[in-house]
Amino acid sequence: MPESKEARELIFRIAQVIIEELKLEEITPETFDPDMDLVDELGVDSMDLATVALVLQDEYGVSIDEDDYPTLKSVRLIAEYLSAKLAAGKKG
């Protein structure tokens, strides 16, 4: 199923945040593989993930539960998680 424009934009923005917050110099949002395992392939640790989560929480006005951090293993999974949170927020 092709991604929506909103999904692509969300994935791009999450990649930007990860690159900015973790000071990655060899990756750009355009070349960031949204399915790359952030922990195993990029070496992101729990503190890095917490930092990224805080930035995304502030930017999107959603709450990211610390218990959910282990499931947020790739940019695509983070985007899907945020999309679900945003959709739930619009319903409430």
Protein backbone atom coordinates (compact mmCIF):
# COMPACT_ATOMS: atom_id res chain seq x y z
CA MET A 1 0.00 0.00 0.00
CA PRO A 2 1.51 3.35 -0.97
CA GLU A 3 2.17 5.77 1.84
CA SER A 4 0.07 8.89 2.07
CA LYS A 5 1.69 12.28 1.68
CA GLU A 6 1.13 12.85 5.41
CA ALA A 7 2.88 9.58 6.29
CA ARG A 8 5.86 10.46 4.08
CA GLU A 9 6.08 13.92 5.65
CA LEU A 10 5.90 12.47 9.15
CA ILE A 11 8.64 9.93 8.37
CA PHE A 12 10.79 12.73 6.88
CA ARG A 13 10.28 14.94 9.97
CA ILE A 14 11.08 12.12 12.40
CA ALA A 15 14.27 11.41 10.43
CA GLN A 16 15.15 15.12 10.66
CA VAL A 17 14.65 15.11 14.43
CA ILE A 18 16.78 11.99 14.88
CA ILE A 19 19.55 13.42 12.70
CA GLU A 20 19.49 16.79 14.51
CA GLU A 21 19.23 15.43 18.04
CA LEU A 22 21.82 12.68 17.59
CA LYS A 23 24.11 14.87 15.47
CA LEU A 24 24.36 12.36 12.65
CA GLU A 25 26.55 13.77 9.91
CA GLU A 26 26.58 11.02 7.32
CA ILE A 27 22.80 10.68 6.92
CA THR A 28 20.23 13.08 5.48
CA PRO A 29 16.44 12.84 5.85
CA GLU A 30 16.30 11.92 2.15
CA THR A 31 18.72 9.01 2.56
CA PHE A 32 17.46 7.84 5.96
CA ASP A 33 16.01 4.34 5.63
CA PRO A 34 12.70 4.48 7.55
CA ASP A 35 12.94 0.74 8.26
CA MET A 36 16.49 0.85 9.65
CA ASP A 37 16.65 -0.54 13.19
CA LEU A 38 17.63 2.49 15.24
CA VAL A 39 19.21 0.44 18.03
CA ASP A 40 20.93 -2.37 16.13
CA GLU A 41 21.94 -0.50 12.97
CA LEU A 42 22.35 3.07 14.19
CA GLY A 43 23.41 2.50 17.79
CA VAL A 44 20.65 4.62 19.34
CA ASP A 45 20.47 4.05 23.10
CA SER A 46 17.57 4.59 25.50
CA MET A 47 18.70 8.13 26.38
CA ASP A 48 18.87 9.08 22.70
CA LEU A 49 15.41 7.64 22.15
CA ALA A 50 14.07 9.52 25.16
CA THR A 51 15.47 12.77 23.76
CA VAL A 52 13.89 12.14 20.35
CA ALA A 53 10.59 11.19 22.02
CA LEU A 54 10.55 14.44 24.03
CA VAL A 55 11.12 16.54 20.92
CA LEU A 56 8.35 14.70 19.05
CA GLN A 57 5.98 15.00 22.03
CA ASP A 58 6.50 18.75 22.11
CA GLU A 59 6.20 19.14 18.36
CA TYR A 60 3.09 17.01 17.89
CA GLY A 61 1.40 17.53 21.25
CA VAL A 62 1.12 13.82 22.02
CA SER A 63 2.28 11.72 24.92
CA ILE A 64 4.75 8.94 24.21
CA ASP A 65 4.67 6.41 27.04
CA GLU A 66 8.11 5.28 28.21
CA ASP A 67 6.80 1.71 28.22
CA ASP A 68 6.35 2.05 24.44
CA TYR A 69 9.97 3.07 23.75
CA PRO A 70 11.15 -0.52 23.12
CA THR A 71 8.60 -0.86 20.31
CA LEU A 72 9.81 2.31 18.57
CA LYS A 73 12.64 0.60 16.72
CA SER A 74 12.51 2.41 13.37
CA VAL A 75 11.41 5.71 11.92
CA ARG A 76 8.47 3.98 10.25
CA LEU A 77 7.33 2.44 13.57
CA ILE A 78 7.64 5.82 15.30
CA ALA A 79 5.61 7.42 12.48
CA GLU A 80 2.90 4.76 12.78
CA TYR A 81 2.84 5.23 16.55
CA LEU A 82 2.54 9.02 16.23
CA SER A 83 -0.13 8.71 13.54
CA ALA A 84 -2.22 6.50 15.82
CA LYS A 85 -1.76 8.92 18.74
CA LEU A 86 -2.68 11.91 16.54
CA ALA A 87 -5.75 10.13 15.15
CA ALA A 88 -6.86 9.16 18.68
CA GLY A 89 -6.38 12.75 19.82
CA LYS A 90 -8.61 14.08 17.03
CA LYS A 91 -11.39 11.70 18.03
CA GLY A 92 -11.27 12.77 21.69
